[in-house]
PDB file of N, CA and C in Angstrom:
ATOM      1  N   MET A   1       0.780  -1.133   0.123  1.00  0.00           N
ATOM      2  CA  MET A   1      -0.123  -0.122   0.053  1.00  0.00           C
ATOM      3  C   MET A   1       0.817   1.255  -0.083  1.00  0.00           C
ATOM      4  N   PRO A   2       0.840   2.093  -0.922  1.00  0.00           N
ATOM      5  CA  PRO A   2       1.565   3.372  -1.030  1.00  0.00           C
ATOM      6  C   PRO A   2       1.361   4.195   0.184  1.00  0.00           C
ATOM      7  N   ILE A   3       2.177   5.046   0.371  1.00  0.00           N
ATOM      8  CA  ILE A   3       2.178   5.953   1.609  1.00  0.00           C
ATOM      9  C   ILE A   3       0.976   6.929   1.380  1.00  0.00           C
ATOM     10  N   PHE A   4       0.667   7.371   0.132  1.00  0.00           N
ATOM     11  CA  PHE A   4      -0.369   8.176   0.016  1.00  0.00           C
ATOM     12  C   PHE A   4      -1.664   7.530   0.279  1.00  0.00           C
ATOM     13  N   ASP A   5      -1.981   6.293  -0.019  1.00  0.00           N
ATOM     14  CA  ASP A   5      -3.101   5.561   0.376  1.00  0.00           C
ATOM     15  C   ASP A   5      -3.366   5.553   1.787  1.00  0.00           C
ATOM     16  N   MET A   6      -2.265   5.261   2.586  1.00  0.00           N
ATOM     17  CA  MET A   6      -2.248   5.145   3.994  1.00  0.00           C
ATOM     18  C   MET A   6      -2.611   6.406   4.631  1.00  0.00           C
ATOM     19  N   ILE A   7      -2.059   7.562   4.002  1.00  0.00           N
ATOM     20  CA  ILE A   7      -2.376   8.850   4.630  1.00  0.00           C
ATOM     21  C   ILE A   7      -3.785   9.276   4.496  1.00  0.00           C
ATOM     22  N   MET A   8      -4.385   8.790   3.198  1.00  0.00           N
ATOM     23  CA  MET A   8      -5.611   9.142   2.849  1.00  0.00           C
ATOM     24  C   MET A   8      -6.875   8.347   3.438  1.00  0.00           C
ATOM     25  N   ALA A   9      -6.302   7.070   3.817  1.00  0.00           N
ATOM     26  CA  ALA A   9      -7.440   6.264   4.291  1.00  0.00           C
ATOM     27  C   ALA A   9      -8.379   6.806   5.545  1.00  0.00           C
ATOM     28  N   PRO A  10      -7.813   7.487   6.545  1.00  0.00           N
ATOM     29  CA  PRO A  10      -8.861   8.150   7.571  1.00  0.00           C
ATOM     30  C   PRO A  10      -9.705   9.089   6.921  1.00  0.00           C
ATOM     31  N   PHE A  11      -9.294   9.728   5.840  1.00  0.00           N
ATOM     32  CA  PHE A  11     -10.086  10.825   5.161  1.00  0.00           C
ATOM     33  C   PHE A  11     -11.248  10.276   4.388  1.00  0.00           C
ATOM     34  N   ARG A  12     -10.893   9.110   3.669  1.00  0.00           N
ATOM     35  CA  ARG A  12     -11.852   8.168   3.000  1.00  0.00           C
ATOM     36  C   ARG A  12     -12.846   7.590   3.785  1.00  0.00           C
ATOM     37  N   ALA A  13     -12.396   7.206   5.043  1.00  0.00           N
ATOM     38  CA  ALA A  13     -13.443   6.677   6.008  1.00  0.00           C
ATOM     39  C   ALA A  13     -14.362   7.699   6.558  1.00  0.00           C
ATOM     40  N   LEU A  14     -13.759   8.850   6.806  1.00  0.00           N
ATOM     41  CA  LEU A  14     -14.624   9.984   7.167  1.00  0.00           C
ATOM     42  C   LEU A  14     -15.659  10.361   6.140  1.00  0.00           C
ATOM     43  N   LEU A  15     -15.264  10.384   4.919  1.00  0.00           N
ATOM     44  CA  LEU A  15     -16.056  10.713   3.744  1.00  0.00           C
ATOM     45  C   LEU A  15     -17.167   9.605   3.617  1.00  0.00           C
ATOM     46  N   GLU A  16     -16.822   8.333   3.931  1.00  0.00           N
ATOM     47  CA  GLU A  16     -17.809   7.345   3.614  1.00  0.00           C
ATOM     48  C   GLU A  16     -18.831   7.412   4.975  1.00  0.00           C
ATOM     49  N   MET A  17     -18.457   7.820   6.001  1.00  0.00           N
ATOM     50  CA  MET A  17     -19.328   8.031   7.234  1.00  0.00           C
ATOM     51  C   MET A  17     -20.241   9.156   6.989  1.00  0.00           C
ATOM     52  N   ALA A  18     -19.753  10.243   6.367  1.00  0.00           N
ATOM     53  CA  ALA A  18     -20.467  11.341   6.145  1.00  0.00           C
ATOM     54  C   ALA A  18     -21.585  11.130   5.096  1.00  0.00           C
ATOM     55  N   GLU A  19     -21.181  10.215   4.099  1.00  0.00           N
ATOM     56  CA  GLU A  19     -22.348   9.823   3.063  1.00  0.00           C
ATOM     57  C   GLU A  19     -23.335   9.035   3.543  1.00  0.00           C
ATOM     58  N   ALA A  20     -22.822   8.075   4.528  1.00  0.00           N
ATOM     59  CA  ALA A  20     -23.891   7.139   5.222  1.00  0.00           C
ATOM     60  C   ALA A  20     -24.801   8.076   6.022  1.00  0.00           C
ATOM     61  N   ILE A  21     -24.347   9.018   6.775  1.00  0.00           N
ATOM     62  CA  ILE A  21     -25.246   9.787   7.549  1.00  0.00           C
ATOM     63  C   ILE A  21     -26.062  10.737   6.709  1.00  0.00           C
ATOM     64  N   SER A  22     -25.623  11.238   5.593  1.00  0.00           N
ATOM     65  CA  SER A  22     -26.608  11.987   4.655  1.00  0.00           C
ATOM     66  C   SER A  22     -27.477  11.084   3.979  1.00  0.00           C
ATOM     67  N   SER A  23     -27.289   9.954   3.593  1.00  0.00           N
ATOM     68  CA  SER A  23     -28.209   8.836   3.153  1.00  0.00           C
ATOM     69  C   SER A  23     -29.257   8.633   4.062  1.00  0.00           C
ATOM     70  N   ALA A  24     -28.867   8.364   5.310  1.00  0.00           N
ATOM     71  CA  ALA A  24     -29.902   8.227   6.436  1.00  0.00           C
ATOM     72  C   ALA A  24     -30.925   9.257   6.756  1.00  0.00           C
ATOM     73  N   ALA A  25     -30.180  10.523   6.637  1.00  0.00           N
ATOM     74  CA  ALA A  25     -31.000  11.725   6.901  1.00  0.00           C
ATOM     75  C   ALA A  25     -31.848  11.865   5.675  1.00  0.00           C
ATOM     76  N   ARG A  26     -31.523  11.687   4.400  1.00  0.00           N
ATOM     77  CA  ARG A  26     -32.356  11.811   3.278  1.00  0.00           C
ATOM     78  C   ARG A  26     -33.519  10.846   3.351  1.00  0.00           C
ATOM     79  N   ARG A  27     -33.174   9.624   3.746  1.00  0.00           N
ATOM     80  CA  ARG A  27     -34.151   8.644   3.829  1.00  0.00           C
ATOM     81  C   ARG A  27     -35.363   9.148   4.948  1.00  0.00           C
ATOM     82  N   GLU A  28     -34.911   9.523   6.016  1.00  0.00           N
ATOM     83  CA  GLU A  28     -35.879   9.997   7.032  1.00  0.00           C
ATOM     84  C   GLU A  28     -36.683  11.159   6.500  1.00  0.00           C
ATOM     85  N   LEU A  29     -36.130  11.922   5.627  1.00  0.00           N
ATOM     86  CA  LEU A  29     -36.988  13.135   5.115  1.00  0.00           C
ATOM     87  C   LEU A  29     -37.799  12.844   3.925  1.00  0.00           C
ATOM     88  N   GLU A  30     -37.370  11.906   3.116  1.00  0.00           N
ATOM     89  CA  GLU A  30     -38.006  11.708   1.745  1.00  0.00           C
ATOM     90  C   GLU A  30     -38.699  10.245   1.551  1.00  0.00           C
ATOM     91  N   ASP A  31     -38.273   9.327   2.218  1.00  0.00           N
ATOM     92  CA  ASP A  31     -38.895   8.023   2.009  1.00  0.00           C
ATOM     93  C   ASP A  31     -40.278   7.860   2.539  1.00  0.00           C
ATOM     94  N   PRO A  32     -41.308   7.769   1.626  1.00  0.00           N
ATOM     95  CA  PRO A  32     -42.609   7.666   2.130  1.00  0.00           C
ATOM     96  C   PRO A  32     -42.935   6.456   2.964  1.00  0.00           C
ATOM     97  N   GLU A  33     -42.291   5.346   2.810  1.00  0.00           N
ATOM     98  CA  GLU A  33     -42.519   4.099   3.853  1.00  0.00           C
ATOM     99  C   GLU A  33     -41.986   4.256   5.072  1.00  0.00           C
ATOM    100  N   TYR A  34     -40.815   4.967   5.188  1.00  0.00           N
ATOM    101  CA  TYR A  34     -40.208   5.275   6.463  1.00  0.00           C
ATOM    102  C   TYR A  34     -41.115   6.251   7.198  1.00  0.00           C
ATOM    103  N   ILE A  35     -41.505   7.253   6.488  1.00  0.00           N
ATOM    104  CA  ILE A  35     -42.417   8.189   7.248  1.00  0.00           C
ATOM    105  C   ILE A  35     -43.786   7.698   7.626  1.00  0.00           C
ATOM    106  N   GLN A  36     -44.391   6.779   6.937  1.00  0.00           N
ATOM    107  CA  GLN A  36     -45.444   6.007   7.349  1.00  0.00           C
ATOM    108  C   GLN A  36     -45.265   5.109   8.573  1.00  0.00           C
ATOM    109  N   ALA A  37     -44.066   4.559   8.504  1.00  0.00           N
ATOM    110  CA  ALA A  37     -43.572   3.701   9.646  1.00  0.00           C
ATOM    111  C   ALA A  37     -43.495   4.501  11.025  1.00  0.00           C
ATOM    112  N   LYS A  38     -43.122   5.784  10.797  1.00  0.00           N
ATOM    113  CA  LYS A  38     -42.997   6.705  12.009  1.00  0.00           C
ATOM    114  C   LYS A  38     -44.305   7.141  12.390  1.00  0.00           C
ATOM    115  N   LEU A  39     -45.277   7.201  11.409  1.00  0.00           N
ATOM    116  CA  LEU A  39     -46.626   7.686  11.742  1.00  0.00           C
ATOM    117  C   LEU A  39     -47.227   6.596  12.674  1.00  0.00           C
ATOM    118  N   LEU A  40     -46.980   5.255  12.256  1.00  0.00           N
ATOM    119  CA  LEU A  40     -47.569   4.198  13.044  1.00  0.00           C
ATOM    120  C   LEU A  40     -46.927   4.047  14.432  1.00  0.00           C
ATOM    121  N   GLU A  41     -45.662   4.337  14.375  1.00  0.00           N
ATOM    122  CA  GLU A  41     -44.930   4.266  15.685  1.00  0.00           C
ATOM    123  C   GLU A  41     -45.538   5.507  16.666  1.00  0.00           C
ATOM    124  N   LEU A  42     -45.823   6.525  16.082  1.00  0.00           N
ATOM    125  CA  LEU A  42     -46.393   7.680  16.769  1.00  0.00           C
ATOM    126  C   LEU A  42     -47.613   7.248  17.416  1.00  0.00           C
ATOM    127  N   GLN A  43     -48.513   6.827  16.546  1.00  0.00           N
ATOM    128  CA  GLN A  43     -49.904   6.349  16.934  1.00  0.00           C
ATOM    129  C   GLN A  43     -49.950   5.340  18.053  1.00  0.00           C
ATOM    130  N   LEU A  44     -48.933   4.427  17.843  1.00  0.00           N
ATOM    131  CA  LEU A  44     -48.761   3.349  18.999  1.00  0.00           C
ATOM    132  C   LEU A  44     -48.408   3.800  20.239  1.00  0.00           C
ATOM    133  N   LEU A  45     -47.442   4.749  20.251  1.00  0.00           N
ATOM    134  CA  LEU A  45     -46.974   5.550  21.495  1.00  0.00           C
ATOM    135  C   LEU A  45     -48.133   6.182  22.163  1.00  0.00           C
ATOM    136  N   TYR A  46     -49.066   6.918  21.373  1.00  0.00           N
ATOM    137  CA  TYR A  46     -50.097   7.451  21.855  1.00  0.00           C
ATOM    138  C   TYR A  46     -51.116   6.490  22.388  1.00  0.00           C
ATOM    139  N   GLU A  47     -51.485   5.502  21.823  1.00  0.00           N
ATOM    140  CA  GLU A  47     -52.398   4.596  22.237  1.00  0.00           C
ATOM    141  C   GLU A  47     -51.925   3.767  23.448  1.00  0.00           C
ATOM    142  N   LEU A  48     -50.600   3.671  23.621  1.00  0.00           N
ATOM    143  CA  LEU A  48     -50.120   3.133  24.849  1.00  0.00           C
ATOM    144  C   LEU A  48     -50.011   3.962  25.947  1.00  0.00           C
ATOM    145  N   GLY A  49     -50.121   5.240  25.599  1.00  0.00           N
ATOM    146  CA  GLY A  49     -50.133   6.154  26.800  1.00  0.00           C
ATOM    147  C   GLY A  49     -48.771   6.720  26.992  1.00  0.00           C
ATOM    148  N   GLU A  50     -47.774   6.428  26.276  1.00  0.00           N
ATOM    149  CA  GLU A  50     -46.368   6.873  26.327  1.00  0.00           C
ATOM    150  C   GLU A  50     -46.326   8.310  26.085  1.00  0.00           C
ATOM    151  N   ILE A  51     -47.110   8.815  25.291  1.00  0.00           N
ATOM    152  CA  ILE A  51     -47.100  10.374  24.797  1.00  0.00           C
ATOM    153  C   ILE A  51     -48.493  11.018  25.000  1.00  0.00           C
ATOM    154  N   GLU A  52     -48.655  12.293  25.390  1.00  0.00           N
ATOM    155  CA  GLU A  52     -49.827  12.918  25.517  1.00  0.00           C
ATOM    156  C   GLU A  52     -50.421  13.299  24.188  1.00  0.00           C
ATOM    157  N   GLU A  53     -51.631  13.612  24.257  1.00  0.00           N
ATOM    158  CA  GLU A  53     -52.511  13.874  22.860  1.00  0.00           C
ATOM    159  C   GLU A  53     -51.794  15.204  22.152  1.00  0.00           C
ATOM    160  N   ALA A  54     -51.418  16.186  22.938  1.00  0.00           N
ATOM    161  CA  ALA A  54     -50.766  17.373  22.345  1.00  0.00           C
ATOM    162  C   ALA A  54     -49.408  16.959  21.606  1.00  0.00           C
ATOM    163  N   GLU A  55     -48.597  16.199  22.222  1.00  0.00           N
ATOM    164  CA  GLU A  55     -47.329  15.699  21.544  1.00  0.00           C
ATOM    165  C   GLU A  55     -47.701  14.911  20.272  1.00  0.00           C
ATOM    166  N   TYR A  56     -48.829  14.144  20.258  1.00  0.00           N
ATOM    167  CA  TYR A  56     -49.128  13.213  19.268  1.00  0.00           C
ATOM    168  C   TYR A  56     -49.609  14.168  17.994  1.00  0.00           C
ATOM    169  N   GLU A  57     -50.521  15.146  18.344  1.00  0.00           N
ATOM    170  CA  GLU A  57     -50.953  15.958  17.217  1.00  0.00           C
ATOM    171  C   GLU A  57     -49.740  16.745  16.618  1.00  0.00           C
ATOM    172  N   VAL A  58     -48.827  17.156  17.380  1.00  0.00           N
ATOM    173  CA  VAL A  58     -47.751  17.937  16.851  1.00  0.00           C
ATOM    174  C   VAL A  58     -46.950  17.179  15.918  1.00  0.00           C
ATOM    175  N   GLY A  59     -46.720  15.790  16.418  1.00  0.00           N
ATOM    176  CA  GLY A  59     -45.858  14.864  15.653  1.00  0.00           C
ATOM    177  C   GLY A  59     -46.561  14.356  14.410  1.00  0.00           C
ATOM    178  N   TYR A  60     -47.853  14.136  14.546  1.00  0.00           N
ATOM    179  CA  TYR A  60     -48.746  13.653  13.485  1.00  0.00           C
ATOM    180  C   TYR A  60     -48.723  14.858  12.317  1.00  0.00           C
ATOM    181  N   GLN A  61     -48.918  15.881  12.732  1.00  0.00           N
ATOM    182  CA  GLN A  61     -48.935  17.061  11.710  1.00  0.00           C
ATOM    183  C   GLN A  61     -47.514  17.233  10.938  1.00  0.00           C
ATOM    184  N   ALA A  62     -46.491  17.112  11.738  1.00  0.00           N
ATOM    185  CA  ALA A  62     -45.117  17.187  11.093  1.00  0.00           C
ATOM    186  C   ALA A  62     -44.912  16.118  10.097  1.00  0.00           C
ATOM    187  N   LEU A  63     -45.225  14.795  10.658  1.00  0.00           N
ATOM    188  CA  LEU A  63     -44.958  13.682   9.738  1.00  0.00           C
ATOM    189  C   LEU A  63     -45.893  13.522   8.510  1.00  0.00           C
ATOM    190  N   SER A  64     -47.048  14.140   8.654  1.00  0.00           N
ATOM    191  CA  SER A  64     -48.045  14.178   7.652  1.00  0.00           C
ATOM    192  C   SER A  64     -47.588  15.281   6.572  1.00  0.00           C
ATOM    193  N   GLU A  65     -47.035  16.407   6.941  1.00  0.00           N
ATOM    194  CA  GLU A  65     -46.492  17.309   5.990  1.00  0.00           C
ATOM    195  C   GLU A  65     -45.223  16.705   5.370  1.00  0.00           C
ATOM    196  N   ARG A  66     -44.397  15.961   6.035  1.00  0.00           N
ATOM    197  CA  ARG A  66     -43.420  15.338   5.376  1.00  0.00           C
ATOM    198  C   ARG A  66     -43.718  14.330   4.331  1.00  0.00           C
ATOM    199  N   LEU A  67     -44.782  13.496   4.571  1.00  0.00           N
ATOM    200  CA  LEU A  67     -45.129  12.483   3.751  1.00  0.00           C
ATOM    201  C   LEU A  67     -45.797  13.167   2.609  1.00  0.00           C
ATOM    202  N   GLN A  68     -46.551  14.238   2.617  1.00  0.00           N
ATOM    203  CA  GLN A  68     -47.079  15.005   1.409  1.00  0.00           C
ATOM    204  C   GLN A  68     -45.837  15.449   0.566  1.00  0.00           C
ATOM    205  N   VAL A  69     -44.898  15.988   1.060  1.00  0.00           N
ATOM    206  CA  VAL A  69     -43.777  16.467   0.349  1.00  0.00           C
ATOM    207  C   VAL A  69     -43.057  15.274  -0.249  1.00  0.00           C
ATOM    208  N   ALA A  70     -42.991  14.078   0.457  1.00  0.00           N
ATOM    209  CA  ALA A  70     -42.202  12.948  -0.104  1.00  0.00           C
ATOM    210  C   ALA A  70     -42.873  12.301  -1.294  1.00  0.00           C
ATOM    211  N   ARG A  71     -44.305  12.428  -1.363  1.00  0.00           N
ATOM    212  CA  ARG A  71     -45.043  11.989  -2.248  1.00  0.00           C
ATOM    213  C   ARG A  71     -45.389  12.944  -3.414  1.00  0.00           C
ATOM    214  N   LEU A  72     -44.331  13.080  -4.328  1.00  0.00           N
ATOM    215  CA  LEU A  72     -44.363  14.082  -5.479  1.00  0.00           C
ATOM    216  C   LEU A  72     -45.295  13.481  -6.648  1.00  0.00           C
ATOM    217  N   PRO A  73     -45.760  14.415  -7.410  1.00  0.00           N
ATOM    218  CA  PRO A  73     -46.338  14.009  -8.594  1.00  0.00           C
ATOM    219  C   PRO A  73     -45.653  12.955  -9.483  1.00  0.00           C
ATOM    220  N   GLY A  74     -46.331  12.094  -9.908  1.00  0.00           N
ATOM    221  CA  GLY A  74     -45.427  10.927 -10.644  1.00  0.00           C
ATOM    222  C   GLY A  74     -45.357   9.640  -9.663  1.00  0.00           C
ATOM    223  N   ASP A  75     -45.434   9.974  -8.421  1.00  0.00           N
ATOM    224  CA  ASP A  75     -45.452   8.797  -7.419  1.00  0.00           C
ATOM    225  C   ASP A  75     -46.705   8.104  -7.551  1.00  0.00           C
ATOM    226  N   PRO A  76     -46.701   6.859  -7.596  1.00  0.00           N
ATOM    227  CA  PRO A  76     -48.111   6.102  -7.726  1.00  0.00           C
ATOM    228  C   PRO A  76     -49.019   6.260  -6.518  1.00  0.00           C
ATOM    229  N   ASP A  77     -48.424   6.748  -5.385  1.00  0.00           N
ATOM    230  CA  ASP A  77     -49.215   7.006  -4.203  1.00  0.00           C
ATOM    231  C   ASP A  77     -49.568   8.363  -3.986  1.00  0.00           C
ATOM    232  N   TYR A  78     -49.227   9.262  -5.008  1.00  0.00           N
ATOM    233  CA  TYR A  78     -49.427  10.810  -4.894  1.00  0.00           C
ATOM    234  C   TYR A  78     -50.915  10.971  -4.762  1.00  0.00           C
ATOM    235  N   GLY A  79     -51.215  11.809  -3.641  1.00  0.00           N
ATOM    236  CA  GLY A  79     -52.510  12.358  -3.572  1.00  0.00           C
ATOM    237  C   GLY A  79     -53.501  11.324  -2.891  1.00  0.00           C
ATOM    238  N   GLU A  80     -52.926  10.093  -2.323  1.00  0.00           N
ATOM    239  CA  GLU A  80     -53.697   9.190  -1.444  1.00  0.00           C
ATOM    240  C   GLU A  80     -53.971   9.920  -0.140  1.00  0.00           C
ATOM    241  N   ASP A  81     -55.219   9.748   0.212  1.00  0.00           N
ATOM    242  CA  ASP A  81     -55.526  10.261   1.695  1.00  0.00           C
ATOM    243  C   ASP A  81     -55.001   9.552   2.732  1.00  0.00           C
ATOM    244  N   GLU A  82     -54.634  10.234   3.696  1.00  0.00           N
ATOM    245  CA  GLU A  82     -53.930   9.421   5.088  1.00  0.00           C
ATOM    246  C   GLU A  82     -55.143   9.314   5.898  1.00  0.00           C
ATOM    247  N   ASP A  83     -55.131   8.222   6.699  1.00  0.00           N
ATOM    248  CA  ASP A  83     -56.108   8.108   7.775  1.00  0.00           C
ATOM    249  C   ASP A  83     -55.718   9.233   8.863  1.00  0.00           C
ATOM    250  N   GLU A  84     -56.741   9.898   9.382  1.00  0.00           N
ATOM    251  CA  GLU A  84     -56.563  10.872  10.463  1.00  0.00           C
ATOM    252  C   GLU A  84     -57.277  10.247  11.708  1.00  0.00           C
ATOM    253  N   ASP A  85     -56.520  10.089  12.742  1.00  0.00           N
ATOM    254  CA  ASP A  85     -56.993   9.624  14.022  1.00  0.00           C
ATOM    255  C   ASP A  85     -57.272  10.748  15.046  1.00  0.00           C
TER     256      ASP A  85
END
Protein backbone atom coordinates (compact mmCIF):
# COMPACT_ATOMS: atom_id res chain seq x y z
CA MET A 1 0.00 0.00 0.00
CA PRO A 2 1.59 3.27 -1.04
CA ILE A 3 2.16 5.95 1.57
CA PHE A 4 -0.43 8.24 -0.05
CA ASP A 5 -3.14 5.59 0.37
CA MET A 6 -2.22 5.15 4.03
CA ILE A 7 -2.41 8.89 4.63
CA MET A 8 -5.72 9.22 2.79
CA ALA A 9 -7.41 6.19 4.44
CA PRO A 10 -8.78 8.11 7.46
CA PHE A 11 -10.15 10.83 5.18
CA ARG A 12 -11.83 8.27 2.95
CA ALA A 13 -13.37 6.60 6.00
CA LEU A 14 -14.63 9.97 7.20
CA LEU A 15 -16.11 10.70 3.77
CA GLU A 16 -17.86 7.30 3.72
CA MET A 17 -19.29 7.97 7.18
CA ALA A 18 -20.54 11.40 6.11
CA GLU A 19 -22.18 9.86 3.03
CA ALA A 20 -23.89 7.21 5.20
CA ILE A 21 -25.23 9.88 7.56
CA SER A 22 -26.44 11.95 4.62
CA SER A 23 -28.17 8.93 3.12
CA ALA A 24 -29.90 8.10 6.41
CA ALA A 25 -31.04 11.72 6.85
CA ARG A 26 -32.35 11.83 3.28
CA ARG A 27 -34.24 8.60 3.89
CA GLU A 28 -35.84 10.01 7.04
CA LEU A 29 -36.96 13.10 5.16
CA GLU A 30 -37.96 11.66 1.78
CA ASP A 31 -38.88 7.96 2.03
CA PRO A 32 -42.70 7.62 2.19
CA GLU A 33 -42.50 4.11 3.67
CA TYR A 34 -40.17 5.29 6.43
CA ILE A 35 -42.44 8.24 7.23
CA GLN A 36 -45.50 5.97 7.32
CA ALA A 37 -43.69 3.66 9.73
CA LYS A 38 -42.94 6.66 11.95
CA LEU A 39 -46.62 7.65 11.83
CA LEU A 40 -47.57 4.14 12.98
CA GLU A 41 -44.96 4.28 15.73
CA LEU A 42 -46.31 7.64 16.88
CA GLN A 43 -49.87 6.31 16.94
CA LEU A 44 -48.79 3.27 18.93
CA LEU A 45 -46.99 5.44 21.49
CA TYR A 46 -50.13 7.54 21.87
CA GLU A 47 -52.42 4.53 22.20
CA LEU A 48 -50.14 3.00 24.84
CA GLY A 49 -50.18 6.24 26.79
CA GLU A 50 -46.48 6.89 26.30
CA ILE A 51 -47.11 10.38 24.89
CA GLU A 52 -49.81 12.99 25.48
CA GLU A 53 -52.39 13.99 22.89
CA ALA A 54 -50.74 17.36 22.27
CA GLU A 55 -47.40 15.69 21.51
CA TYR A 56 -49.16 13.19 19.25
CA GLU A 57 -50.91 15.96 17.30
CA VAL A 58 -47.70 17.93 16.80
CA GLY A 59 -45.82 14.83 15.65
CA TYR A 60 -48.68 13.70 13.43
CA GLN A 61 -48.88 17.10 11.73
CA ALA A 62 -45.13 17.23 11.11
CA LEU A 63 -44.96 13.68 9.74
CA SER A 64 -48.05 14.20 7.58
CA GLU A 65 -46.49 17.28 6.01
CA ARG A 66 -43.26 15.36 5.35
CA LEU A 67 -45.27 12.56 3.78
CA GLN A 68 -47.04 14.98 1.44
CA VAL A 69 -43.70 16.44 0.36
CA ALA A 70 -42.23 12.95 -0.10
CA ARG A 71 -45.10 11.96 -2.39
CA LEU A 72 -44.43 14.07 -5.42
CA PRO A 73 -46.48 14.01 -8.65
CA GLY A 74 -45.55 10.93 -10.62
CA ASP A 75 -45.40 8.84 -7.45
CA PRO A 76 -48.06 6.09 -7.67
CA ASP A 77 -49.18 6.95 -4.13
CA TYR A 78 -49.38 10.70 -4.81
CA GLY A 79 -52.59 12.23 -3.56
CA GLU A 80 -53.72 9.27 -1.47
CA ASP A 81 -55.60 10.33 1.63
CA GLU A 82 -54.04 9.46 4.96
CA ASP A 83 -56.14 8.13 7.83
CA GLU A 84 -56.60 10.80 10.44
CA ASP A 85 -57.04 9.66 14.00
